[in-house]
C-alpha atoms as a PDB file:
ATOM      1  CA  UNK A   1     100.520  85.882  97.880  1.00  0.00           C
ATOM      2  CA  UNK A   2     100.321  85.359  93.638  1.00  0.00           C
ATOM      3  CA  UNK A   3     102.376  87.656  91.440  1.00  0.00           C
ATOM      4  CA  UNK A   4      99.977  88.127  89.217  1.00  0.00           C
ATOM      5  CA  UNK A   5     100.784  90.333  86.324  1.00  0.00           C
ATOM      6  CA  UNK A   6      97.316  91.751  85.086  1.00  0.00           C
ATOM      7  CA  UNK A   7      97.298  95.074  83.584  1.00  0.00           C
ATOM      8  CA  UNK A   8      93.273  95.583  84.149  1.00  0.00           C
ATOM      9  CA  UNK A   9      92.059  98.543  85.730  1.00  0.00           C
ATOM     10  CA  UNK A  10      92.154  98.694  89.223  1.00  0.00           C
ATOM     11  CA  UNK A  11      89.408  96.532  91.166  1.00  0.00           C
ATOM     12  CA  UNK A  12      87.743  98.209  93.988  1.00  0.00           C
ATOM     13  CA  UNK A  13      85.648  95.985  96.707  1.00  0.00           C
ATOM     14  CA  UNK A  14      82.980  97.830  98.890  1.00  0.00           C
ATOM     15  CA  UNK A  15      83.702  94.579 101.386  1.00  0.00           C
ATOM     16  CA  UNK A  16      87.557  95.692 101.669  1.00  0.00           C
ATOM     17  CA  UNK A  17      86.382  99.666 102.573  1.00  0.00           C
ATOM     18  CA  UNK A  18      83.502  98.234 105.013  1.00  0.00           C
ATOM     19  CA  UNK A  19      85.882  95.834 106.572  1.00  0.00           C
ATOM     20  CA  UNK A  20      88.604  98.659 106.689  1.00  0.00           C
ATOM     21  CA  UNK A  21      86.004 100.516 108.327  1.00  0.00           C
ATOM     22  CA  UNK A  22      84.708  98.415 110.701  1.00  0.00           C
ATOM     23  CA  UNK A  23      87.945  97.523 112.210  1.00  0.00           C
ATOM     24  CA  UNK A  24      89.389 101.475 112.486  1.00  0.00           C
ATOM     25  CA  UNK A  25      85.973 101.657 114.449  1.00  0.00           C
ATOM     26  CA  UNK A  26      87.108  98.543 116.545  1.00  0.00           C
ATOM     27  CA  UNK A  27      90.538  99.977 116.937  1.00  0.00           C
ATOM     28  CA  UNK A  28      88.618 103.202 118.195  1.00  0.00           C
ATOM     29  CA  UNK A  29      86.337 101.571 120.766  1.00  0.00           C
ATOM     30  CA  UNK A  30      88.914  99.527 122.299  1.00  0.00           C
ATOM     31  CA  UNK A  31      91.162 102.741 122.705  1.00  0.00           C
ATOM     32  CA  UNK A  32      88.812 104.873 123.809  1.00  0.00           C
ATOM     33  CA  UNK A  33      87.878 103.286 127.258  1.00  0.00           C
ATOM     34  CA  UNK A  34      86.486 105.790 129.738  1.00  0.00           C
ATOM     35  CA  UNK A  35      88.112 104.444 132.730  1.00  0.00           C
ATOM     36  CA  UNK A  36      90.829 101.915 132.453  1.00  0.00           C
ATOM     37  CA  UNK A  37      90.166 100.406 135.921  1.00  0.00           C
ATOM     38  CA  UNK A  38      86.791  99.439 134.350  1.00  0.00           C
ATOM     39  CA  UNK A  39      87.095  97.621 130.921  1.00  0.00           C
ATOM     40  CA  UNK A  40      85.024  94.493 129.564  1.00  0.00           C
ATOM     41  CA  UNK A  41      86.888  91.432 129.053  1.00  0.00           C
ATOM     42  CA  UNK A  42      86.131  91.319 125.462  1.00  0.00           C
ATOM     43  CA  UNK A  43      87.622  94.738 125.482  1.00  0.00           C
ATOM     44  CA  UNK A  44      90.846  94.192 126.637  1.00  0.00           C
ATOM     45  CA  UNK A  45      93.857  92.437 124.907  1.00  0.00           C
ATOM     46  CA  UNK A  46      95.382  89.450 126.629  1.00  0.00           C
ATOM     47  CA  UNK A  47      97.907  90.054 129.501  1.00  0.00           C
ATOM     48  CA  UNK A  48     100.114  87.304 127.549  1.00  0.00           C
ATOM     49  CA  UNK A  49      99.445  84.078 126.084  1.00  0.00           C
ATOM     50  CA  UNK A  50      96.190  83.801 124.665  1.00  0.00           C
ATOM     51  CA  UNK A  51      93.203  85.571 122.049  1.00  0.00           C
ATOM     52  CA  UNK A  52      90.907  87.888 123.031  1.00  0.00           C
ATOM     53  CA  UNK A  53      88.230  89.407 120.497  1.00  0.00           C
ATOM     54  CA  UNK A  54      90.439  92.212 120.732  1.00  0.00           C
ATOM     55  CA  UNK A  55      93.324  90.862 119.923  1.00  0.00           C
ATOM     56  CA  UNK A  56      91.857  89.943 116.200  1.00  0.00           C
ATOM     57  CA  UNK A  57      91.612  93.731 115.302  1.00  0.00           C
ATOM     58  CA  UNK A  58      95.334  94.861 114.719  1.00  0.00           C
ATOM     59  CA  UNK A  59      96.302  91.457 112.746  1.00  0.00           C
ATOM     60  CA  UNK A  60      92.727  91.917 110.696  1.00  0.00           C
ATOM     61  CA  UNK A  61      93.781  95.292 109.481  1.00  0.00           C
ATOM     62  CA  UNK A  62      97.502  94.073 108.582  1.00  0.00           C
ATOM     63  CA  UNK A  63      95.328  91.116 106.300  1.00  0.00           C
ATOM     64  CA  UNK A  64      93.376  94.208 105.118  1.00  0.00           C
ATOM     65  CA  UNK A  65      96.366  96.085 104.531  1.00  0.00           C
ATOM     66  CA  UNK A  66      98.265  93.500 102.238  1.00  0.00           C
ATOM     67  CA  UNK A  67      94.870  93.082 100.299  1.00  0.00           C
ATOM     68  CA  UNK A  68      94.929  96.667  99.687  1.00  0.00           C
ATOM     69  CA  UNK A  69      98.335  96.811  98.821  1.00  0.00           C
ATOM     70  CA  UNK A  70      97.641  94.065  96.116  1.00  0.00           C
ATOM     71  CA  UNK A  71      94.541  95.126  94.745  1.00  0.00           C
ATOM     72  CA  UNK A  72      96.063  98.730  94.135  1.00  0.00           C
ATOM     73  CA  UNK A  73      99.184  97.375  92.221  1.00  0.00           C
ATOM     74  CA  UNK A  74      98.520  94.421  90.098  1.00  0.00           C
ATOM     75  CA  UNK A  75      97.298  96.196  87.480  1.00  0.00           C
ATOM     76  CA  UNK A  76     100.622  98.429  87.795  1.00  0.00           C
ATOM     77  CA  UNK A  77     103.356  95.701  87.627  1.00  0.00           C
ATOM     78  CA  UNK A  78     103.812  96.120  84.062  1.00  0.00           C
ATOM     79  CA  UNK A  79     105.500  99.217  85.124  1.00  0.00           C
ATOM     80  CA  UNK A  80     109.278  99.661  85.812  1.00  0.00           C
ATOM     81  CA  UNK A  81     109.897  98.286  89.366  1.00  0.00           C
ATOM     82  CA  UNK A  82     111.888 101.273  89.976  1.00  0.00           C
ATOM     83  CA  UNK A  83     108.936 103.636  89.855  1.00  0.00           C
ATOM     84  CA  UNK A  84     106.646 101.020  92.004  1.00  0.00           C
ATOM     85  CA  UNK A  85     109.381 100.890  94.973  1.00  0.00           C
ATOM     86  CA  UNK A  86     109.410 104.358  94.967  1.00  0.00           C
ATOM     87  CA  UNK A  87     105.909 104.866  94.996  1.00  0.00           C
ATOM     88  CA  UNK A  88     105.563 102.400  97.896  1.00  0.00           C
ATOM     89  CA  UNK A  89     108.481 103.391 100.029  1.00  0.00           C
ATOM     90  CA  UNK A  90     107.460 106.904 100.143  1.00  0.00           C
ATOM     91  CA  UNK A  91     103.889 105.749 100.941  1.00  0.00           C
ATOM     92  CA  UNK A  92     105.607 103.740 103.820  1.00  0.00           C
ATOM     93  CA  UNK A  93     107.640 106.506 104.835  1.00  0.00           C
ATOM     94  CA  UNK A  94     104.648 108.750 105.520  1.00  0.00           C
ATOM     95  CA  UNK A  95     102.782 106.738 107.379  1.00  0.00           C
ATOM     96  CA  UNK A  96     105.796 105.902 109.508  1.00  0.00           C
ATOM     97  CA  UNK A  97     106.334 109.454 109.773  1.00  0.00           C
ATOM     98  CA  UNK A  98     102.527 110.428 110.901  1.00  0.00           C
ATOM     99  CA  UNK A  99     103.183 107.504 113.223  1.00  0.00           C
ATOM    100  CA  UNK A 100     106.070 108.945 115.065  1.00  0.00           C
ATOM    101  CA  UNK A 101     104.108 112.506 114.609  1.00  0.00           C
ATOM    102  CA  UNK A 102     100.705 111.298 116.583  1.00  0.00           C
ATOM    103  CA  UNK A 103     103.457 109.814 119.239  1.00  0.00           C
ATOM    104  CA  UNK A 104     105.216 113.597 119.885  1.00  0.00           C
ATOM    105  CA  UNK A 105     102.089 115.185 120.361  1.00  0.00           C
ATOM    106  CA  UNK A 106     100.934 112.617 122.893  1.00  0.00           C
ATOM    107  CA  UNK A 107     104.777 112.884 124.782  1.00  0.00           C
ATOM    108  CA  UNK A 108     103.969 116.837 124.244  1.00  0.00           C
ATOM    109  CA  UNK A 109      99.940 117.591 125.640  1.00  0.00           C
ATOM    110  CA  UNK A 110      99.264 114.189 127.890  1.00  0.00           C
ATOM    111  CA  UNK A 111     100.854 114.687 131.378  1.00  0.00           C
ATOM    112  CA  UNK A 112     103.225 111.816 132.404  1.00  0.00           C
ATOM    113  CA  UNK A 113     103.491 110.557 129.120  1.00  0.00           C
ATOM    114  CA  UNK A 114     106.945 109.602 128.075  1.00  0.00           C
ATOM    115  CA  UNK A 115     107.673 109.572 123.572  1.00  0.00           C
ATOM    116  CA  UNK A 116     107.312 105.936 122.316  1.00  0.00           C
ATOM    117  CA  UNK A 117     108.966 105.672 119.554  1.00  0.00           C
ATOM    118  CA  UNK A 118     107.177 102.700 117.259  1.00  0.00           C
ATOM    119  CA  UNK A 119     103.416 101.804 117.224  1.00  0.00           C
ATOM    120  CA  UNK A 120     100.572 100.778 115.568  1.00  0.00           C
ATOM    121  CA  UNK A 121     101.364 103.355 112.227  1.00  0.00           C
ATOM    122  CA  UNK A 122     104.799 102.714 112.345  1.00  0.00           C
ATOM    123  CA  UNK A 123     104.375  98.757 112.284  1.00  0.00           C
ATOM    124  CA  UNK A 124     101.641  99.283 109.138  1.00  0.00           C
ATOM    125  CA  UNK A 125     104.075 101.368 107.454  1.00  0.00           C
ATOM    126  CA  UNK A 126     107.293  99.173 107.653  1.00  0.00           C
ATOM    127  CA  UNK A 127     105.262  95.864 107.162  1.00  0.00           C
ATOM    128  CA  UNK A 128     103.851  98.273 103.665  1.00  0.00           C
ATOM    129  CA  UNK A 129     107.208  98.999 102.415  1.00  0.00           C
ATOM    130  CA  UNK A 130     108.818  95.548 103.349  1.00  0.00           C
ATOM    131  CA  UNK A 131     105.784  93.422 101.712  1.00  0.00           C
ATOM    132  CA  UNK A 132     105.174  96.000  99.168  1.00  0.00           C
ATOM    133  CA  UNK A 133     108.507  95.614  97.627  1.00  0.00           C
ATOM    134  CA  UNK A 134     108.135  91.920  97.820  1.00  0.00           C
ATOM    135  CA  UNK A 135     105.247  91.764  95.851  1.00  0.00           C
ATOM    136  CA  UNK A 136     106.912  94.210  92.830  1.00  0.00           C
ATOM    137  CA  UNK A 137     109.988  92.385  92.730  1.00  0.00           C
ATOM    138  CA  UNK A 138     109.184  88.676  93.671  1.00  0.00           C
ATOM    139  CA  UNK A 139     106.803  87.545  90.838  1.00  0.00           C
ATOM    140  CA  UNK A 140     106.396  84.044  91.217  1.00  0.00           C
ATOM    141  CA  UNK A 141     103.897  82.818  93.620  1.00  0.00           C
ATOM    142  CA  UNK A 142     105.933  79.859  95.139  1.00  0.00           C
ATOM    143  CA  UNK A 143     108.627  81.875  96.038  1.00  0.00           C
ATOM    144  CA  UNK A 144     106.387  84.144  98.236  1.00  0.00           C
ATOM    145  CA  UNK A 145     104.923  80.884  99.815  1.00  0.00           C
ATOM    146  CA  UNK A 146     108.145  79.992 100.225  1.00  0.00           C
ATOM    147  CA  UNK A 147     109.406  83.542 102.140  1.00  0.00           C
ATOM    148  CA  UNK A 148     105.771  83.538 104.341  1.00  0.00           C
ATOM    149  CA  UNK A 149     106.549  80.084 105.557  1.00  0.00           C
ATOM    150  CA  UNK A 150     110.551  80.897 105.925  1.00  0.00           C
ATOM    151  CA  UNK A 151     109.124  83.814 107.806  1.00  0.00           C
ATOM    152  CA  UNK A 152     107.027  81.930 110.267  1.00  0.00           C
ATOM    153  CA  UNK A 153     109.377  79.066 110.915  1.00  0.00           C
ATOM    154  CA  UNK A 154     112.210  81.135 111.392  1.00  0.00           C
ATOM    155  CA  UNK A 155     110.834  83.588 113.926  1.00  0.00           C
ATOM    156  CA  UNK A 156     109.846  79.743 115.420  1.00  0.00           C
ATOM    157  CA  UNK A 157     113.325  78.934 115.622  1.00  0.00           C
ATOM    158  CA  UNK A 158     114.450  82.642 117.174  1.00  0.00           C
ATOM    159  CA  UNK A 159     111.996  82.253 119.853  1.00  0.00           C
ATOM    160  CA  UNK A 160     112.990  78.594 120.461  1.00  0.00           C
ATOM    161  CA  UNK A 161     116.355  80.043 120.572  1.00  0.00           C
ATOM    162  CA  UNK A 162     115.872  82.283 123.117  1.00  0.00           C
ATOM    163  CA  UNK A 163     114.862  79.823 125.553  1.00  0.00           C
ATOM    164  CA  UNK A 164     111.581  81.105 127.032  1.00  0.00           C
ATOM    165  CA  UNK A 165     108.430  82.728 126.125  1.00  0.00           C
ATOM    166  CA  UNK A 166     107.981  84.292 129.564  1.00  0.00           C
ATOM    167  CA  UNK A 167     107.545  88.090 129.962  1.00  0.00           C
ATOM    168  CA  UNK A 168     111.137  89.884 129.811  1.00  0.00           C
ATOM    169  CA  UNK A 169     112.747  86.761 129.295  1.00  0.00           C
ATOM    170  CA  UNK A 170     112.061  86.120 125.868  1.00  0.00           C
ATOM    171  CA  UNK A 171     114.265  86.657 123.309  1.00  0.00           C
ATOM    172  CA  UNK A 172     112.041  89.517 121.625  1.00  0.00           C
ATOM    173  CA  UNK A 173     111.620  91.318 125.097  1.00  0.00           C
ATOM    174  CA  UNK A 174     115.362  91.480 125.560  1.00  0.00           C
ATOM    175  CA  UNK A 175     115.965  92.914 122.294  1.00  0.00           C
ATOM    176  CA  UNK A 176     113.469  95.716 122.944  1.00  0.00           C
ATOM    177  CA  UNK A 177     115.196  96.358 126.151  1.00  0.00           C
ATOM    178  CA  UNK A 178     118.683  96.767 124.041  1.00  0.00           C
ATOM    179  CA  UNK A 179     117.670  98.558 121.522  1.00  0.00           C
ATOM    180  CA  UNK A 180     114.573 100.381 122.584  1.00  0.00           C
ATOM    181  CA  UNK A 181     114.836 100.947 126.469  1.00  0.00           C
ATOM    182  CA  UNK A 182     113.166 104.062 127.313  1.00  0.00           C
ATOM    183  CA  UNK A 183     111.587 104.820 124.205  1.00  0.00           C
ATOM    184  CA  UNK A 184     109.585 101.277 124.083  1.00  0.00           C
ATOM    185  CA  UNK A 185     105.860 101.247 125.370  1.00  0.00           C
ATOM    186  CA  UNK A 186     106.460 100.036 128.664  1.00  0.00           C
ATOM    187  CA  UNK A 187     110.187 100.808 130.478  1.00  0.00           C
ATOM    188  CA  UNK A 188     110.559 100.518 134.261  1.00  0.00           C
ATOM    189  CA  UNK A 189     114.070 102.858 135.088  1.00  0.00           C
ATOM    190  CA  UNK A 190     114.742 100.350 138.338  1.00  0.00           C
ATOM    191  CA  UNK A 191     114.921  97.115 136.395  1.00  0.00           C
ATOM    192  CA  UNK A 192     115.603  98.839 132.693  1.00  0.00           C
ATOM    193  CA  UNK A 193     113.234  96.394 131.722  1.00  0.00           C
ATOM    194  CA  UNK A 194     111.282  97.284 128.501  1.00  0.00           C
ATOM    195  CA  UNK A 195     108.512  95.848 126.393  1.00  0.00           C
ATOM    196  CA  UNK A 196     107.329  96.987 123.358  1.00  0.00           C
ATOM    197  CA  UNK A 197     104.094  95.208 121.926  1.00  0.00           C
ATOM    198  CA  UNK A 198     105.000  96.685 118.257  1.00  0.00           C
ATOM    199  CA  UNK A 199     108.477  96.106 118.918  1.00  0.00           C
ATOM    200  CA  UNK A 200     111.442  95.323 116.341  1.00  0.00           C
ATOM    201  CA  UNK A 201     111.948  91.695 116.152  1.00  0.00           C
ATOM    202  CA  UNK A 202     107.698  90.826 116.732  1.00  0.00           C
ATOM    203  CA  UNK A 203     107.311  93.236 113.702  1.00  0.00           C
ATOM    204  CA  UNK A 204     108.668  90.403 111.460  1.00  0.00           C
ATOM    205  CA  UNK A 205     105.733  87.764 111.972  1.00  0.00           C
ATOM    206  CA  UNK A 206     103.545  90.884 111.135  1.00  0.00           C
ATOM    207  CA  UNK A 207     104.977  90.914 107.779  1.00  0.00           C
ATOM    208  CA  UNK A 208     103.389  87.551 107.553  1.00  0.00           C
ATOM    209  CA  UNK A 209      99.725  88.788 108.275  1.00  0.00           C
ATOM    210  CA  UNK A 210     100.016  91.225 105.757  1.00  0.00           C
ATOM    211  CA  UNK A 211     101.101  88.679 103.097  1.00  0.00           C
ATOM    212  CA  UNK A 212      98.127  86.754 103.838  1.00  0.00           C
ATOM    213  CA  UNK A 213      96.289  89.885 102.195  1.00  0.00           C
ATOM    214  CA  UNK A 214      97.976  89.022  99.060  1.00  0.00           C
ATOM    215  CA  UNK A 215      96.335  86.028  98.845  1.00  0.00           C
ATOM    216  CA  UNK A 216      93.021  86.903  99.910  1.00  0.00           C
ATOM    217  CA  UNK A 217      93.211  89.670  97.178  1.00  0.00           C
ATOM    218  CA  UNK A 218      94.661  86.943  94.613  1.00  0.00           C
ATOM    219  CA  UNK A 219      91.371  84.945  95.693  1.00  0.00           C
ATOM    220  CA  UNK A 220      88.898  87.931  95.233  1.00  0.00           C
ATOM    221  CA  UNK A 221      89.826  88.634  92.178  1.00  0.00           C
ATOM    222  CA  UNK A 222      89.705  85.385  90.549  1.00  0.00           C
ATOM    223  CA  UNK A 223      86.283  84.971  92.333  1.00  0.00           C
ATOM    224  CA  UNK A 224      87.552  82.222  94.633  1.00  0.00           C
ATOM    225  CA  UNK A 225      85.665  82.425  97.354  1.00  0.00           C
ATOM    226  CA  UNK A 226      85.454  78.290  98.199  1.00  0.00           C
ATOM    227  CA  UNK A 227      89.190  78.773  98.078  1.00  0.00           C
ATOM    228  CA  UNK A 228      89.138  81.869 100.510  1.00  0.00           C
ATOM    229  CA  UNK A 229      87.080  79.864 102.810  1.00  0.00           C
ATOM    230  CA  UNK A 230      89.365  76.412 102.925  1.00  0.00           C
ATOM    231  CA  UNK A 231      92.306  78.434 103.353  1.00  0.00           C
ATOM    232  CA  UNK A 232      90.609  80.215 106.247  1.00  0.00           C
ATOM    233  CA  UNK A 233      89.592  77.023 107.956  1.00  0.00           C
ATOM    234  CA  UNK A 234      92.990  75.608 107.433  1.00  0.00           C
ATOM    235  CA  UNK A 235      94.913  78.535 108.544  1.00  0.00           C
ATOM    236  CA  UNK A 236      92.965  78.428 112.175  1.00  0.00           C
ATOM    237  CA  UNK A 237      93.228  75.212 112.265  1.00  0.00           C
ATOM    238  CA  UNK A 238      97.198  75.294 111.794  1.00  0.00           C
ATOM    239  CA  UNK A 239      97.319  77.668 114.157  1.00  0.00           C
ATOM    240  CA  UNK A 240      95.213  76.089 116.721  1.00  0.00           C
ATOM    241  CA  UNK A 241      97.441  73.020 116.787  1.00  0.00           C
ATOM    242  CA  UNK A 242     100.393  75.193 116.609  1.00  0.00           C
ATOM    243  CA  UNK A 243      99.029  76.808 119.789  1.00  0.00           C
ATOM    244  CA  UNK A 244      99.629  73.269 121.606  1.00  0.00           C
ATOM    245  CA  UNK A 245     103.468  74.090 121.431  1.00  0.00           C
ATOM    246  CA  UNK A 246     103.628  77.671 120.395  1.00  0.00           C
ATOM    247  CA  UNK A 247     101.166  79.641 122.448  1.00  0.00           C
ATOM    248  CA  UNK A 248      99.381  82.365 120.807  1.00  0.00           C
ATOM    249  CA  UNK A 249     100.966  85.869 121.968  1.00  0.00           C
ATOM    250  CA  UNK A 250      99.773  88.870 120.601  1.00  0.00           C
ATOM    251  CA  UNK A 251     102.852  90.997 121.724  1.00  0.00           C
ATOM    252  CA  UNK A 252     105.078  88.503 120.927  1.00  0.00           C
ATOM    253  CA  UNK A 253     103.050  88.079 117.040  1.00  0.00           C
ATOM    254  CA  UNK A 254     103.581  84.356 117.492  1.00  0.00           C
ATOM    255  CA  UNK A 255     103.184  82.346 114.215  1.00  0.00           C
ATOM    256  CA  UNK A 256     100.267  80.496 115.703  1.00  0.00           C
ATOM    257  CA  UNK A 257      98.571  83.640 116.299  1.00  0.00           C
ATOM    258  CA  UNK A 258      99.384  85.095 112.926  1.00  0.00           C
ATOM    259  CA  UNK A 259      97.758  81.945 111.454  1.00  0.00           C
ATOM    260  CA  UNK A 260      94.519  81.554 113.604  1.00  0.00           C
ATOM    261  CA  UNK A 261      93.769  85.669 113.095  1.00  0.00           C
ATOM    262  CA  UNK A 262      94.799  85.809 109.610  1.00  0.00           C
ATOM    263  CA  UNK A 263      92.662  82.411 109.386  1.00  0.00           C
ATOM    264  CA  UNK A 264      89.673  83.840 110.820  1.00  0.00           C
ATOM    265  CA  UNK A 265      90.195  87.030 108.652  1.00  0.00           C
ATOM    266  CA  UNK A 266      89.793  85.164 105.897  1.00  0.00           C
ATOM    267  CA  UNK A 267      86.423  83.858 106.804  1.00  0.00           C
ATOM    268  CA  UNK A 268      85.388  87.559 107.532  1.00  0.00           C
ATOM    269  CA  UNK A 269      86.296  88.365 104.033  1.00  0.00           C
ATOM    270  CA  UNK A 270      84.891  85.685 102.271  1.00  0.00           C
ATOM    271  CA  UNK A 271      81.502  86.428 104.266  1.00  0.00           C
ATOM    272  CA  UNK A 272      81.617  90.263 103.587  1.00  0.00           C
ATOM    273  CA  UNK A 273      82.221  89.793  99.995  1.00  0.00           C
ATOM    274  CA  UNK A 274      79.508  87.506  99.763  1.00  0.00           C
ATOM    275  CA  UNK A 275      77.203  89.735 101.226  1.00  0.00           C
ATOM    276  CA  UNK A 276      77.935  93.282 100.117  1.00  0.00           C
ATOM    277  CA  UNK A 277      79.754  93.032  96.597  1.00  0.00           C
ATOM    278  CA  UNK A 278      77.553  90.111  95.446  1.00  0.00           C
ATOM    279  CA  UNK A 279      74.488  90.281  97.211  1.00  0.00           C
ATOM    280  CA  UNK A 280      74.489  93.872  97.633  1.00  0.00           C
ATOM    281  CA  UNK A 281      73.558  94.565 101.063  1.00  0.00           C
ATOM    282  CA  UNK A 282      74.860  98.365 102.482  1.00  0.00           C
ATOM    283  CA  UNK A 283      78.453  98.544 103.351  1.00  0.00           C
ATOM    284  CA  UNK A 284      78.348  99.511 106.929  1.00  0.00           C
ATOM    285  CA  UNK A 285      81.649 100.786 107.872  1.00  0.00           C
ATOM    286  CA  UNK A 286      82.566 102.249 104.179  1.00  0.00           C
ATOM    287  CA  UNK A 287      82.827 105.382 105.497  1.00  0.00           C
ATOM    288  CA  UNK A 288      85.281 104.592 108.182  1.00  0.00           C
ATOM    289  CA  UNK A 289      86.780 102.544 105.343  1.00  0.00           C
ATOM    290  CA  UNK A 290      87.578 105.235 102.837  1.00  0.00           C
ATOM    291  CA  UNK A 291      89.042 108.019 105.283  1.00  0.00           C
ATOM    292  CA  UNK A 292      91.206 105.123 108.145  1.00  0.00           C
ATOM    293  CA  UNK A 293      94.006 107.286 108.482  1.00  0.00           C
ATOM    294  CA  UNK A 294      91.711 110.715 109.178  1.00  0.00           C
ATOM    295  CA  UNK A 295      89.690 108.584 111.627  1.00  0.00           C
ATOM    296  CA  UNK A 296      92.481 107.120 113.414  1.00  0.00           C
ATOM    297  CA  UNK A 297      95.124 110.078 113.649  1.00  0.00           C
ATOM    298  CA  UNK A 298      91.867 112.516 114.402  1.00  0.00           C
ATOM    299  CA  UNK A 299      90.816 110.387 117.225  1.00  0.00           C
ATOM    300  CA  UNK A 300      94.846 110.220 118.412  1.00  0.00           C
ATOM    301  CA  UNK A 301      94.658 113.664 118.136  1.00  0.00           C
ATOM    302  CA  UNK A 302      91.265 114.449 120.255  1.00  0.00           C
ATOM    303  CA  UNK A 303      92.272 112.265 123.093  1.00  0.00           C
ATOM    304  CA  UNK A 304      95.865 114.111 123.756  1.00  0.00           C
ATOM    305  CA  UNK A 305      93.705 117.548 123.765  1.00  0.00           C
ATOM    306  CA  UNK A 306      91.069 116.237 125.841  1.00  0.00           C
ATOM    307  CA  UNK A 307      94.238 114.831 128.099  1.00  0.00           C
ATOM    308  CA  UNK A 308      95.980 117.932 128.076  1.00  0.00           C
ATOM    309  CA  UNK A 309      92.982 120.226 128.940  1.00  0.00           C
ATOM    310  CA  UNK A 310      91.598 117.803 131.277  1.00  0.00           C
ATOM    311  CA  UNK A 311      88.315 117.912 129.007  1.00  0.00           C
ATOM    312  CA  UNK A 312      88.266 113.796 129.195  1.00  0.00           C
ATOM    313  CA  UNK A 313      88.115 113.431 133.252  1.00  0.00           C
ATOM    314  CA  UNK A 314      85.409 116.437 133.157  1.00  0.00           C
ATOM    315  CA  UNK A 315      83.215 115.086 130.562  1.00  0.00           C
ATOM    316  CA  UNK A 316      83.656 111.348 132.223  1.00  0.00           C
ATOM    317  CA  UNK A 317      83.068 112.559 135.442  1.00  0.00           C
ATOM    318  CA  UNK A 318      79.931 114.984 135.032  1.00  0.00           C
ATOM    319  CA  UNK A 319      78.062 112.425 132.087  1.00  0.00           C
ATOM    320  CA  UNK A 320      78.866 109.328 132.105  1.00  0.00           C
ATOM    321  CA  UNK A 321      79.895 108.231 135.867  1.00  0.00           C
ATOM    322  CA  UNK A 322      77.221 111.004 137.296  1.00  0.00           C
ATOM    323  CA  UNK A 323      74.376 109.652 134.766  1.00  0.00           C
ATOM    324  CA  UNK A 324      75.351 106.277 133.842  1.00  0.00           C
ATOM    325  CA  UNK A 325      76.986 104.529 136.158  1.00  0.00           C
ATOM    326  CA  UNK A 326      74.448 104.874 138.874  1.00  0.00           C
ATOM    327  CA  UNK A 327      72.210 102.822 136.735  1.00  0.00           C
ATOM    328  CA  UNK A 328      74.379 100.266 134.358  1.00  0.00           C
ATOM    329  CA  UNK A 329      77.467 100.419 136.496  1.00  0.00           C
ATOM    330  CA  UNK A 330      80.943 101.815 135.875  1.00  0.00           C
ATOM    331  CA  UNK A 331      81.964  99.055 133.211  1.00  0.00           C
ATOM    332  CA  UNK A 332      78.948  99.843 131.128  1.00  0.00           C
ATOM    333  CA  UNK A 333      80.161 103.612 131.735  1.00  0.00           C
ATOM    334  CA  UNK A 334      83.584 103.069 130.943  1.00  0.00           C
ATOM    335  CA  UNK A 335      82.567 101.583 127.352  1.00  0.00           C
ATOM    336  CA  UNK A 336      79.605 104.103 126.717  1.00  0.00           C
ATOM    337  CA  UNK A 337      82.405 106.498 126.385  1.00  0.00           C
ATOM    338  CA  UNK A 338      84.410 104.611 123.880  1.00  0.00           C
ATOM    339  CA  UNK A 339      81.145 103.717 121.964  1.00  0.00           C
ATOM    340  CA  UNK A 340      80.093 107.713 121.991  1.00  0.00           C
ATOM    341  CA  UNK A 341      83.452 108.640 120.464  1.00  0.00           C
ATOM    342  CA  UNK A 342      83.627 106.234 118.241  1.00  0.00           C
ATOM    343  CA  UNK A 343      80.135 107.192 117.147  1.00  0.00           C
ATOM    344  CA  UNK A 344      81.352 110.772 117.142  1.00  0.00           C
ATOM    345  CA  UNK A 345      84.139 110.468 114.572  1.00  0.00           C
ATOM    346  CA  UNK A 346      81.538 107.775 112.687  1.00  0.00           C
ATOM    347  CA  UNK A 347      80.219 111.210 111.770  1.00  0.00           C
ATOM    348  CA  UNK A 348      82.518 113.190 110.883  1.00  0.00           C
ATOM    349  CA  UNK A 349      83.730 110.607 108.053  1.00  0.00           C
ATOM    350  CA  UNK A 350      80.618 109.688 107.041  1.00  0.00           C
ATOM    351  CA  UNK A 351      80.298 113.525 106.287  1.00  0.00           C
ATOM    352  CA  UNK A 352      83.320 113.470 104.662  1.00  0.00           C
ATOM    353  CA  UNK A 353      82.194 110.703 102.542  1.00  0.00           C
ATOM    354  CA  UNK A 354      79.096 113.006 101.781  1.00  0.00           C
ATOM    355  CA  UNK A 355      81.363 115.764 100.482  1.00  0.00           C
ATOM    356  CA  UNK A 356      83.678 113.415  98.548  1.00  0.00           C
ATOM    357  CA  UNK A 357      86.265 113.998 100.608  1.00  0.00           C
ATOM    358  CA  UNK A 358      89.038 111.737 101.388  1.00  0.00           C
ATOM    359  CA  UNK A 359      92.223 111.668 103.206  1.00  0.00           C
ATOM    360  CA  UNK A 360      95.117 109.416 102.200  1.00  0.00           C
ATOM    361  CA  UNK A 361      99.006 109.720 102.805  1.00  0.00           C
END
């Protein structure tokens, strides 16, 4: 979380592009099951408390957002803050707008789908604006560390003040029910209760996940691999200890969850940096990484179109269920469908990279 003011050229790490790409590919795999009644446990999010492999994907991506933000803007910190803030806000607004547009598309095309205001891209966009602004305006590392701690401790205090960590009884769900209602991810008209995994209050500790990326970028720029490893172990250890009194929970984005998943991200970044940037191993996933927005948005659009036309049901029934289920079972068929869809977009982004085409907002 260092506010370094170096004016050196922008550093690009193939390891970060690769990890961003692998994370997006994992998102597509987790979100693309052929049959939601048959999904392997490691591809499902925890029902409430706890942490499954699928729960690491989004927080890891947020850490990468912080890394990329720092690498891109550190060389520009000698410029007027107003110019940097304008660029940060404009990019954040575009990310938010894309997220809302994708949800509008889903509402229009998918039968029975209600409009959802918030989501993954909206959380990324808001977090990019908030953390990016802090990075530009707060140049002292100690102040950023203090803000990071204040976010986690303050949010914990808010959860305690709310009186419960249980579904619908906790203050986060109550707040989203009050202010989002039917615009949330899930809404029960009979009870008036709502839940939103990317909700209003829970987005605040998600900013801390992005802030962890600032520190990771600082370690990469200064070749502090050992420090990154130590910080990763310490964060995971503190997260594990904190979970004894504050359960890890992705939907609430609890501080113990932030540290546990962020610490693991540090370890993976250190490993990828060693293997790819220093030892020259292939940057597997880099094609997804340089066109991450295209892959995520493109897969969303394709899913909506297939749902609207009945194409997904036809393909899954006549290809995967008919051929794979009798041999491998329903769970394997469901995962195979998601894997094929992911590989399809992998081929598309590979072709785009070969043509040197990059889509960004």
